[in-house]
Amino acid sequence: MSFVRSRFLAYGVLLGTAGVKILTSDDAKKVYTHCTAAVMRGVDEVVKTYNLLKENCDDISADAKEINEKRAAEKEARMIADAKAVLAAAKHKEK
């Protein structure tokens, strides 16, 4: 049994050493470089999409704020007109 374990240990060390050599080879570095470049391009596209979405949301928010301010001004103008009408009616009844 110990011979089998020793053999597996030897295979593991051999495979590990070969794996390290493969992972540090020039070809592997080229693959890492190309993968990293692809990820960076992907990040750039995500950032562009995020910025576009943020700009659209900011525009929508500004437009909504403007609509609400306009509605509030119209409501205030109606309330003033109604108050003037009530005052005018009250003055008319006094006469």
PDB file of N, CA and C in Angstrom:
ATOM      1  N   MET A   1       0.817  -1.178   0.000  1.00  0.00           N
ATOM      2  CA  MET A   1       0.000   0.000   0.000  1.00  0.00           C
ATOM      3  C   MET A   1       0.866   1.248   0.000  1.00  0.00           C
ATOM      4  N   SER A   2       1.951   1.219   0.704  1.00  0.00           N
ATOM      5  CA  SER A   2       2.790   2.411   0.762  1.00  0.00           C
ATOM      6  C   SER A   2       3.469   2.662  -0.580  1.00  0.00           C
ATOM      7  N   PHE A   3       3.693   1.580  -1.348  1.00  0.00           N
ATOM      8  CA  PHE A   3       4.267   1.759  -2.682  1.00  0.00           C
ATOM      9  C   PHE A   3       3.288   2.516  -3.576  1.00  0.00           C
ATOM     10  N   VAL A   4       2.007   2.212  -3.488  1.00  0.00           N
ATOM     11  CA  VAL A   4       0.980   2.884  -4.278  1.00  0.00           C
ATOM     12  C   VAL A   4       0.917   4.352  -3.878  1.00  0.00           C
ATOM     13  N   ARG A   5       0.947   4.615  -2.593  1.00  0.00           N
ATOM     14  CA  ARG A   5       0.916   6.010  -2.117  1.00  0.00           C
ATOM     15  C   ARG A   5       2.155   6.767  -2.572  1.00  0.00           C
ATOM     16  N   SER A   6       3.275   6.130  -2.519  1.00  0.00           N
ATOM     17  CA  SER A   6       4.525   6.777  -2.950  1.00  0.00           C
ATOM     18  C   SER A   6       4.468   7.100  -4.438  1.00  0.00           C
ATOM     19  N   ARG A   7       3.906   6.152  -5.193  1.00  0.00           N
ATOM     20  CA  ARG A   7       3.800   6.368  -6.636  1.00  0.00           C
ATOM     21  C   ARG A   7       2.855   7.534  -6.931  1.00  0.00           C
ATOM     22  N   PHE A   8       1.717   7.612  -6.221  1.00  0.00           N
ATOM     23  CA  PHE A   8       0.796   8.730  -6.415  1.00  0.00           C
ATOM     24  C   PHE A   8       1.451  10.052  -6.017  1.00  0.00           C
ATOM     25  N   LEU A   9       2.227  10.037  -4.958  1.00  0.00           N
ATOM     26  CA  LEU A   9       2.942  11.238  -4.527  1.00  0.00           C
ATOM     27  C   LEU A   9       3.940  11.671  -5.602  1.00  0.00           C
ATOM     28  N   ALA A  10       4.655  10.732  -6.162  1.00  0.00           N
ATOM     29  CA  ALA A  10       5.630  11.040  -7.206  1.00  0.00           C
ATOM     30  C   ALA A  10       4.929  11.599  -8.438  1.00  0.00           C
ATOM     31  N   TYR A  11       3.800  10.987  -8.825  1.00  0.00           N
ATOM     32  CA  TYR A  11       3.034  11.508  -9.966  1.00  0.00           C
ATOM     33  C   TYR A  11       2.526  12.923  -9.685  1.00  0.00           C
ATOM     34  N   GLY A  12       2.072  13.145  -8.474  1.00  0.00           N
ATOM     35  CA  GLY A  12       1.581  14.477  -8.091  1.00  0.00           C
ATOM     36  C   GLY A  12       2.671  15.525  -8.177  1.00  0.00           C
ATOM     37  N   VAL A  13       3.847  15.192  -7.674  1.00  0.00           N
ATOM     38  CA  VAL A  13       4.978  16.137  -7.741  1.00  0.00           C
ATOM     39  C   VAL A  13       5.362  16.386  -9.187  1.00  0.00           C
ATOM     40  N   LEU A  14       5.413  15.336  -9.984  1.00  0.00           N
ATOM     41  CA  LEU A  14       5.758  15.471 -11.402  1.00  0.00           C
ATOM     42  C   LEU A  14       4.730  16.327 -12.130  1.00  0.00           C
ATOM     43  N   LEU A  15       3.467  16.052 -11.876  1.00  0.00           N
ATOM     44  CA  LEU A  15       2.401  16.814 -12.521  1.00  0.00           C
ATOM     45  C   LEU A  15       2.427  18.266 -12.047  1.00  0.00           C
ATOM     46  N   GLY A  16       2.658  18.479 -10.763  1.00  0.00           N
ATOM     47  CA  GLY A  16       2.735  19.840 -10.231  1.00  0.00           C
ATOM     48  C   GLY A  16       3.886  20.615 -10.840  1.00  0.00           C
ATOM     49  N   THR A  17       5.039  19.979 -10.970  1.00  0.00           N
ATOM     50  CA  THR A  17       6.207  20.638 -11.566  1.00  0.00           C
ATOM     51  C   THR A  17       5.943  20.969 -13.028  1.00  0.00           C
ATOM     52  N   ALA A  18       5.354  20.030 -13.751  1.00  0.00           N
ATOM     53  CA  ALA A  18       5.035  20.278 -15.159  1.00  0.00           C
ATOM     54  C   ALA A  18       3.982  21.375 -15.266  1.00  0.00           C
ATOM     55  N   GLY A  19       3.019  21.377 -14.352  1.00  0.00           N
ATOM     56  CA  GLY A  19       1.982  22.408 -14.360  1.00  0.00           C
ATOM     57  C   GLY A  19       2.554  23.793 -14.146  1.00  0.00           C
ATOM     58  N   VAL A  20       3.496  23.906 -13.214  1.00  0.00           N
ATOM     59  CA  VAL A  20       4.134  25.206 -12.963  1.00  0.00           C
ATOM     60  C   VAL A  20       4.896  25.657 -14.197  1.00  0.00           C
ATOM     61  N   LYS A  21       5.597  24.744 -14.839  1.00  0.00           N
ATOM     62  CA  LYS A  21       6.352  25.091 -16.062  1.00  0.00           C
ATOM     63  C   LYS A  21       5.401  25.561 -17.160  1.00  0.00           C
ATOM     64  N   ILE A  22       4.278  24.863 -17.293  1.00  0.00           N
ATOM     65  CA  ILE A  22       3.307  25.241 -18.331  1.00  0.00           C
ATOM     66  C   ILE A  22       2.695  26.605 -18.018  1.00  0.00           C
ATOM     67  N   LEU A  23       2.326  26.822 -16.758  1.00  0.00           N
ATOM     68  CA  LEU A  23       1.672  28.073 -16.381  1.00  0.00           C
ATOM     69  C   LEU A  23       2.598  29.278 -16.475  1.00  0.00           C
ATOM     70  N   THR A  24       3.899  29.072 -16.378  1.00  0.00           N
ATOM     71  CA  THR A  24       4.838  30.194 -16.453  1.00  0.00           C
ATOM     72  C   THR A  24       5.494  30.314 -17.826  1.00  0.00           C
ATOM     73  N   SER A  25       5.037  29.541 -18.789  1.00  0.00           N
ATOM     74  CA  SER A  25       5.633  29.602 -20.126  1.00  0.00           C
ATOM     75  C   SER A  25       5.214  30.881 -20.845  1.00  0.00           C
ATOM     76  N   ASP A  26       5.963  31.218 -21.897  1.00  0.00           N
ATOM     77  CA  ASP A  26       5.663  32.410 -22.693  1.00  0.00           C
ATOM     78  C   ASP A  26       4.298  32.306 -23.371  1.00  0.00           C
ATOM     79  N   ASP A  27       3.951  31.116 -23.832  1.00  0.00           N
ATOM     80  CA  ASP A  27       2.642  30.929 -24.463  1.00  0.00           C
ATOM     81  C   ASP A  27       1.514  31.174 -23.466  1.00  0.00           C
ATOM     82  N   ALA A  28       1.691  30.685 -22.262  1.00  0.00           N
ATOM     83  CA  ALA A  28       0.668  30.904 -21.237  1.00  0.00           C
ATOM     84  C   ALA A  28       0.546  32.393 -20.910  1.00  0.00           C
ATOM     85  N   LYS A  29       1.661  33.088 -20.852  1.00  0.00           N
ATOM     86  CA  LYS A  29       1.626  34.532 -20.578  1.00  0.00           C
ATOM     87  C   LYS A  29       0.877  35.276 -21.686  1.00  0.00           C
ATOM     88  N   LYS A  30       1.051  34.831 -22.927  1.00  0.00           N
ATOM     89  CA  LYS A  30       0.315  35.451 -24.030  1.00  0.00           C
ATOM     90  C   LYS A  30      -1.187  35.242 -23.856  1.00  0.00           C
ATOM     91  N   VAL A  31      -1.569  34.031 -23.466  1.00  0.00           N
ATOM     92  CA  VAL A  31      -2.985  33.735 -23.244  1.00  0.00           C
ATOM     93  C   VAL A  31      -3.521  34.618 -22.115  1.00  0.00           C
ATOM     94  N   TYR A  32      -2.766  34.724 -21.008  1.00  0.00           N
ATOM     95  CA  TYR A  32      -3.187  35.573 -19.890  1.00  0.00           C
ATOM     96  C   TYR A  32      -3.348  37.014 -20.337  1.00  0.00           C
ATOM     97  N   THR A  33      -2.406  37.481 -21.152  1.00  0.00           N
ATOM     98  CA  THR A  33      -2.448  38.865 -21.623  1.00  0.00           C
ATOM     99  C   THR A  33      -3.684  39.110 -22.487  1.00  0.00           C
ATOM    100  N   HIS A  34      -3.977  38.186 -23.400  1.00  0.00           N
ATOM    101  CA  HIS A  34      -5.140  38.349 -24.268  1.00  0.00           C
ATOM    102  C   HIS A  34      -6.445  38.274 -23.456  1.00  0.00           C
ATOM    103  N   CYS A  35      -6.487  37.384 -22.493  1.00  0.00           N
ATOM    104  CA  CYS A  35      -7.684  37.283 -21.641  1.00  0.00           C
ATOM    105  C   CYS A  35      -7.876  38.556 -20.824  1.00  0.00           C
ATOM    106  N   THR A  36      -6.790  39.076 -20.282  1.00  0.00           N
ATOM    107  CA  THR A  36      -6.871  40.316 -19.501  1.00  0.00           C
ATOM    108  C   THR A  36      -7.317  41.477 -20.377  1.00  0.00           C
ATOM    109  N   ALA A  37      -6.808  41.547 -21.600  1.00  0.00           N
ATOM    110  CA  ALA A  37      -7.215  42.608 -22.523  1.00  0.00           C
ATOM    111  C   ALA A  37      -8.702  42.502 -22.844  1.00  0.00           C
ATOM    112  N   ALA A  38      -9.197  41.272 -23.029  1.00  0.00           N
ATOM    113  CA  ALA A  38     -10.622  41.080 -23.317  1.00  0.00           C
ATOM    114  C   ALA A  38     -11.475  41.513 -22.130  1.00  0.00           C
ATOM    115  N   VAL A  39     -11.038  41.190 -20.938  1.00  0.00           N
ATOM    116  CA  VAL A  39     -11.772  41.613 -19.739  1.00  0.00           C
ATOM    117  C   VAL A  39     -11.788  43.130 -19.634  1.00  0.00           C
ATOM    118  N   MET A  40     -10.660  43.762 -19.919  1.00  0.00           N
ATOM    119  CA  MET A  40     -10.595  45.234 -19.862  1.00  0.00           C
ATOM    120  C   MET A  40     -11.542  45.867 -20.875  1.00  0.00           C
ATOM    121  N   ARG A  41     -11.621  45.274 -22.081  1.00  0.00           N
ATOM    122  CA  ARG A  41     -12.565  45.796 -23.079  1.00  0.00           C
ATOM    123  C   ARG A  41     -13.998  45.632 -22.585  1.00  0.00           C
ATOM    124  N   GLY A  42     -14.269  44.509 -21.978  1.00  0.00           N
ATOM    125  CA  GLY A  42     -15.599  44.280 -21.432  1.00  0.00           C
ATOM    126  C   GLY A  42     -15.947  45.292 -20.347  1.00  0.00           C
ATOM    127  N   VAL A  43     -14.985  45.585 -19.491  1.00  0.00           N
ATOM    128  CA  VAL A  43     -15.202  46.570 -18.430  1.00  0.00           C
ATOM    129  C   VAL A  43     -15.485  47.935 -19.041  1.00  0.00           C
ATOM    130  N   ASP A  44     -14.737  48.296 -20.076  1.00  0.00           N
ATOM    131  CA  ASP A  44     -14.956  49.584 -20.740  1.00  0.00           C
ATOM    132  C   ASP A  44     -16.384  49.678 -21.280  1.00  0.00           C
ATOM    133  N   GLU A  45     -16.886  48.607 -21.877  1.00  0.00           N
ATOM    134  CA  GLU A  45     -18.244  48.615 -22.418  1.00  0.00           C
ATOM    135  C   GLU A  45     -19.277  48.723 -21.296  1.00  0.00           C
ATOM    136  N   VAL A  46     -19.033  48.045 -20.205  1.00  0.00           N
ATOM    137  CA  VAL A  46     -19.957  48.133 -19.065  1.00  0.00           C
ATOM    138  C   VAL A  46     -19.978  49.558 -18.519  1.00  0.00           C
ATOM    139  N   VAL A  47     -18.816  50.186 -18.419  1.00  0.00           N
ATOM    140  CA  VAL A  47     -18.744  51.565 -17.915  1.00  0.00           C
ATOM    141  C   VAL A  47     -19.469  52.516 -18.868  1.00  0.00           C
ATOM    142  N   LYS A  48     -19.300  52.323 -20.177  1.00  0.00           N
ATOM    143  CA  LYS A  48     -20.005  53.167 -21.149  1.00  0.00           C
ATOM    144  C   LYS A  48     -21.514  53.020 -20.996  1.00  0.00           C
ATOM    145  N   THR A  49     -21.981  51.787 -20.882  1.00  0.00           N
ATOM    146  CA  THR A  49     -23.416  51.534 -20.723  1.00  0.00           C
ATOM    147  C   THR A  49     -23.926  52.149 -19.425  1.00  0.00           C
ATOM    148  N   TYR A  50     -23.160  52.018 -18.356  1.00  0.00           N
ATOM    149  CA  TYR A  50     -23.549  52.604 -17.069  1.00  0.00           C
ATOM    150  C   TYR A  50     -23.671  54.116 -17.187  1.00  0.00           C
ATOM    151  N   ASN A  51     -22.685  54.755 -17.817  1.00  0.00           N
ATOM    152  CA  ASN A  51     -22.722  56.211 -17.958  1.00  0.00           C
ATOM    153  C   ASN A  51     -23.913  56.667 -18.789  1.00  0.00           C
ATOM    154  N   LEU A  52     -24.215  55.947 -19.860  1.00  0.00           N
ATOM    155  CA  LEU A  52     -25.363  56.287 -20.698  1.00  0.00           C
ATOM    156  C   LEU A  52     -26.663  56.154 -19.900  1.00  0.00           C
ATOM    157  N   LEU A  53     -26.790  55.071 -19.154  1.00  0.00           N
ATOM    158  CA  LEU A  53     -27.977  54.851 -18.335  1.00  0.00           C
ATOM    159  C   LEU A  53     -28.110  55.929 -17.266  1.00  0.00           C
ATOM    160  N   LYS A  54     -27.004  56.288 -16.647  1.00  0.00           N
ATOM    161  CA  LYS A  54     -27.017  57.326 -15.607  1.00  0.00           C
ATOM    162  C   LYS A  54     -27.441  58.671 -16.196  1.00  0.00           C
ATOM    163  N   GLU A  55     -26.911  59.015 -17.365  1.00  0.00           N
ATOM    164  CA  GLU A  55     -27.298  60.274 -18.016  1.00  0.00           C
ATOM    165  C   GLU A  55     -28.794  60.283 -18.322  1.00  0.00           C
ATOM    166  N   ASN A  56     -29.318  59.170 -18.833  1.00  0.00           N
ATOM    167  CA  ASN A  56     -30.749  59.090 -19.125  1.00  0.00           C
ATOM    168  C   ASN A  56     -31.575  59.229 -17.855  1.00  0.00           C
ATOM    169  N   CYS A  57     -31.157  58.588 -16.788  1.00  0.00           N
ATOM    170  CA  CYS A  57     -31.883  58.693 -15.521  1.00  0.00           C
ATOM    171  C   CYS A  57     -31.836  60.120 -14.982  1.00  0.00           C
ATOM    172  N   ASP A  58     -30.692  60.780 -15.118  1.00  0.00           N
ATOM    173  CA  ASP A  58     -30.577  62.171 -14.675  1.00  0.00           C
ATOM    174  C   ASP A  58     -31.515  63.074 -15.478  1.00  0.00           C
ATOM    175  N   ASP A  59     -31.588  62.844 -16.791  1.00  0.00           N
ATOM    176  CA  ASP A  59     -32.497  63.624 -17.640  1.00  0.00           C
ATOM    177  C   ASP A  59     -33.956  63.397 -17.235  1.00  0.00           C
ATOM    178  N   ILE A  60     -34.311  62.152 -17.013  1.00  0.00           N
ATOM    179  CA  ILE A  60     -35.685  61.829 -16.611  1.00  0.00           C
ATOM    180  C   ILE A  60     -36.008  62.477 -15.279  1.00  0.00           C
ATOM    181  N   SER A  61     -35.087  62.411 -14.350  1.00  0.00           N
ATOM    182  CA  SER A  61     -35.294  63.006 -13.025  1.00  0.00           C
ATOM    183  C   SER A  61     -35.467  64.523 -13.126  1.00  0.00           C
ATOM    184  N   ALA A  62     -34.647  65.174 -13.938  1.00  0.00           N
ATOM    185  CA  ALA A  62     -34.753  66.625 -14.111  1.00  0.00           C
ATOM    186  C   ALA A  62     -36.092  66.995 -14.751  1.00  0.00           C
ATOM    187  N   ASP A  63     -36.515  66.232 -15.760  1.00  0.00           N
ATOM    188  CA  ASP A  63     -37.805  66.496 -16.409  1.00  0.00           C
ATOM    189  C   ASP A  63     -38.962  66.297 -15.431  1.00  0.00           C
ATOM    190  N   ALA A  64     -38.892  65.251 -14.632  1.00  0.00           N
ATOM    191  CA  ALA A  64     -39.950  64.990 -13.653  1.00  0.00           C
ATOM    192  C   ALA A  64     -40.019  66.110 -12.614  1.00  0.00           C
ATOM    193  N   LYS A  65     -38.867  66.580 -12.186  1.00  0.00           N
ATOM    194  CA  LYS A  65     -38.824  67.685 -11.218  1.00  0.00           C
ATOM    195  C   LYS A  65     -39.458  68.936 -11.819  1.00  0.00           C
ATOM    196  N   GLU A  66     -39.150  69.197 -13.075  1.00  0.00           N
ATOM    197  CA  GLU A  66     -39.715  70.358 -13.769  1.00  0.00           C
ATOM    198  C   GLU A  66     -41.238  70.240 -13.876  1.00  0.00           C
ATOM    199  N   ILE A  67     -41.731  69.050 -14.204  1.00  0.00           N
ATOM    200  CA  ILE A  67     -43.180  68.829 -14.305  1.00  0.00           C
ATOM    201  C   ILE A  67     -43.845  69.083 -12.952  1.00  0.00           C
ATOM    202  N   ASN A  68     -43.252  68.558 -11.891  1.00  0.00           N
ATOM    203  CA  ASN A  68     -43.838  68.743 -10.558  1.00  0.00           C
ATOM    204  C   ASN A  68     -43.819  70.207 -10.124  1.00  0.00           C
ATOM    205  N   GLU A  69     -42.752  70.919 -10.446  1.00  0.00           N
ATOM    206  CA  GLU A  69     -42.695  72.345 -10.112  1.00  0.00           C
ATOM    207  C   GLU A  69     -43.767  73.120 -10.879  1.00  0.00           C
ATOM    208  N   LYS A  70     -43.964  72.777 -12.148  1.00  0.00           N
ATOM    209  CA  LYS A  70     -44.984  73.432 -12.971  1.00  0.00           C
ATOM    210  C   LYS A  70     -46.376  73.162 -12.410  1.00  0.00           C
ATOM    211  N   ARG A  71     -46.645  71.900 -12.031  1.00  0.00           N
ATOM    212  CA  ARG A  71     -47.941  71.557 -11.457  1.00  0.00           C
ATOM    213  C   ARG A  71     -48.185  72.299 -10.150  1.00  0.00           C
ATOM    214  N   ALA A  72     -47.153  72.392  -9.326  1.00  0.00           N
ATOM    215  CA  ALA A  72     -47.294  73.093  -8.040  1.00  0.00           C
ATOM    216  C   ALA A  72     -47.593  74.570  -8.279  1.00  0.00           C
ATOM    217  N   ALA A  73     -46.935  75.188  -9.273  1.00  0.00           N
ATOM    218  CA  ALA A  73     -47.185  76.596  -9.581  1.00  0.00           C
ATOM    219  C   ALA A  73     -48.613  76.787 -10.097  1.00  0.00           C
ATOM    220  N   GLU A  74     -49.079  75.855 -10.947  1.00  0.00           N
ATOM    221  CA  GLU A  74     -50.453  75.946 -11.460  1.00  0.00           C
ATOM    222  C   GLU A  74     -51.468  75.776 -10.332  1.00  0.00           C
ATOM    223  N   LYS A  75     -51.198  74.848  -9.419  1.00  0.00           N
ATOM    224  CA  LYS A  75     -52.103  74.618  -8.298  1.00  0.00           C
ATOM    225  C   LYS A  75     -52.166  75.861  -7.409  1.00  0.00           C
ATOM    226  N   GLU A  76     -51.002  76.459  -7.175  1.00  0.00           N
ATOM    227  CA  GLU A  76     -50.959  77.672  -6.353  1.00  0.00           C
ATOM    228  C   GLU A  76     -51.720  78.810  -7.037  1.00  0.00           C
ATOM    229  N   ALA A  77     -51.563  78.929  -8.358  1.00  0.00           N
ATOM    230  CA  ALA A  77     -52.274  79.967  -9.104  1.00  0.00           C
ATOM    231  C   ALA A  77     -53.791  79.738  -9.023  1.00  0.00           C
ATOM    232  N   ARG A  78     -54.246  78.475  -9.124  1.00  0.00           N
ATOM    233  CA  ARG A  78     -55.676  78.174  -8.994  1.00  0.00           C
ATOM    234  C   ARG A  78     -56.190  78.515  -7.595  1.00  0.00           C
ATOM    235  N   MET A  79     -55.387  78.192  -6.584  1.00  0.00           N
ATOM    236  CA  MET A  79     -55.800  78.501  -5.210  1.00  0.00           C
ATOM    237  C   MET A  79     -55.925  80.004  -5.002  1.00  0.00           C
ATOM    238  N   ILE A  80     -55.014  80.777  -5.569  1.00  0.00           N
ATOM    239  CA  ILE A  80     -55.070  82.245  -5.466  1.00  0.00           C
ATOM    240  C   ILE A  80     -56.289  82.774  -6.206  1.00  0.00           C
ATOM    241  N   ALA A  81     -56.548  82.228  -7.389  1.00  0.00           N
ATOM    242  CA  ALA A  81     -57.721  82.652  -8.163  1.00  0.00           C
ATOM    243  C   ALA A  81     -59.001  82.319  -7.409  1.00  0.00           C
ATOM    244  N   ASP A  82     -59.053  81.121  -6.814  1.00  0.00           N
ATOM    245  CA  ASP A  82     -60.238  80.742  -6.031  1.00  0.00           C
ATOM    246  C   ASP A  82     -60.411  81.660  -4.823  1.00  0.00           C
ATOM    247  N   ALA A  83     -59.333  81.981  -4.157  1.00  0.00           N
ATOM    248  CA  ALA A  83     -59.401  82.862  -2.985  1.00  0.00           C
ATOM    249  C   ALA A  83     -59.876  84.254  -3.401  1.00  0.00           C
ATOM    250  N   LYS A  84     -59.395  84.743  -4.549  1.00  0.00           N
ATOM    251  CA  LYS A  84     -59.841  86.047  -5.044  1.00  0.00           C
ATOM    252  C   LYS A  84     -61.330  86.011  -5.364  1.00  0.00           C
ATOM    253  N   ALA A  85     -61.794  84.918  -5.937  1.00  0.00           N
ATOM    254  CA  ALA A  85     -63.215  84.776  -6.269  1.00  0.00           C
ATOM    255  C   ALA A  85     -64.062  84.774  -4.999  1.00  0.00           C
ATOM    256  N   VAL A  86     -63.599  84.081  -3.957  1.00  0.00           N
ATOM    257  CA  VAL A  86     -64.329  84.050  -2.692  1.00  0.00           C
ATOM    258  C   VAL A  86     -64.380  85.443  -2.097  1.00  0.00           C
ATOM    259  N   LEU A  87     -63.259  86.162  -2.124  1.00  0.00           N
ATOM    260  CA  LEU A  87     -63.224  87.532  -1.598  1.00  0.00           C
ATOM    261  C   LEU A  87     -64.140  88.448  -2.402  1.00  0.00           C
ATOM    262  N   ALA A  88     -64.130  88.303  -3.709  1.00  0.00           N
ATOM    263  CA  ALA A  88     -64.981  89.133  -4.555  1.00  0.00           C
ATOM    264  C   ALA A  88     -66.450  88.849  -4.278  1.00  0.00           C
ATOM    265  N   ALA A  89     -66.788  87.578  -4.087  1.00  0.00           N
ATOM    266  CA  ALA A  89     -68.171  87.219  -3.784  1.00  0.00           C
ATOM    267  C   ALA A  89     -68.578  87.770  -2.425  1.00  0.00           C
ATOM    268  N   ALA A  90     -67.678  87.720  -1.478  1.00  0.00           N
ATOM    269  CA  ALA A  90     -67.961  88.250  -0.137  1.00  0.00           C
ATOM    270  C   ALA A  90     -68.169  89.762  -0.199  1.00  0.00           C
ATOM    271  N   LYS A  91     -67.359  90.461  -0.969  1.00  0.00           N
ATOM    272  CA  LYS A  91     -67.512  91.914  -1.108  1.00  0.00           C
ATOM    273  C   LYS A  91     -68.826  92.245  -1.801  1.00  0.00           C
ATOM    274  N   HIS A  92     -69.184  91.427  -2.788  1.00  0.00           N
ATOM    275  CA  HIS A  92     -70.417  91.653  -3.534  1.00  0.00           C
ATOM    276  C   HIS A  92     -71.636  91.470  -2.635  1.00  0.00           C
ATOM    277  N   LYS A  93     -71.574  90.485  -1.701  1.00  0.00           N
ATOM    278  CA  LYS A  93     -72.684  90.257  -0.784  1.00  0.00           C
ATOM    279  C   LYS A  93     -72.803  91.397   0.222  1.00  0.00           C
ATOM    280  N   GLU A  94     -71.675  92.000   0.579  1.00  0.00           N
ATOM    281  CA  GLU A  94     -71.700  93.110   1.552  1.00  0.00           C
ATOM    282  C   GLU A  94     -72.414  94.324   0.970  1.00  0.00           C
ATOM    283  N   LYS A  95     -72.372  94.517  -0.288  1.00  0.00           N
ATOM    284  CA  LYS A  95     -72.968  95.690  -0.920  1.00  0.00           C
ATOM    285  C   LYS A  95     -74.404  95.563  -1.019  1.00  0.00           C
TER     286      LYS A  95
END
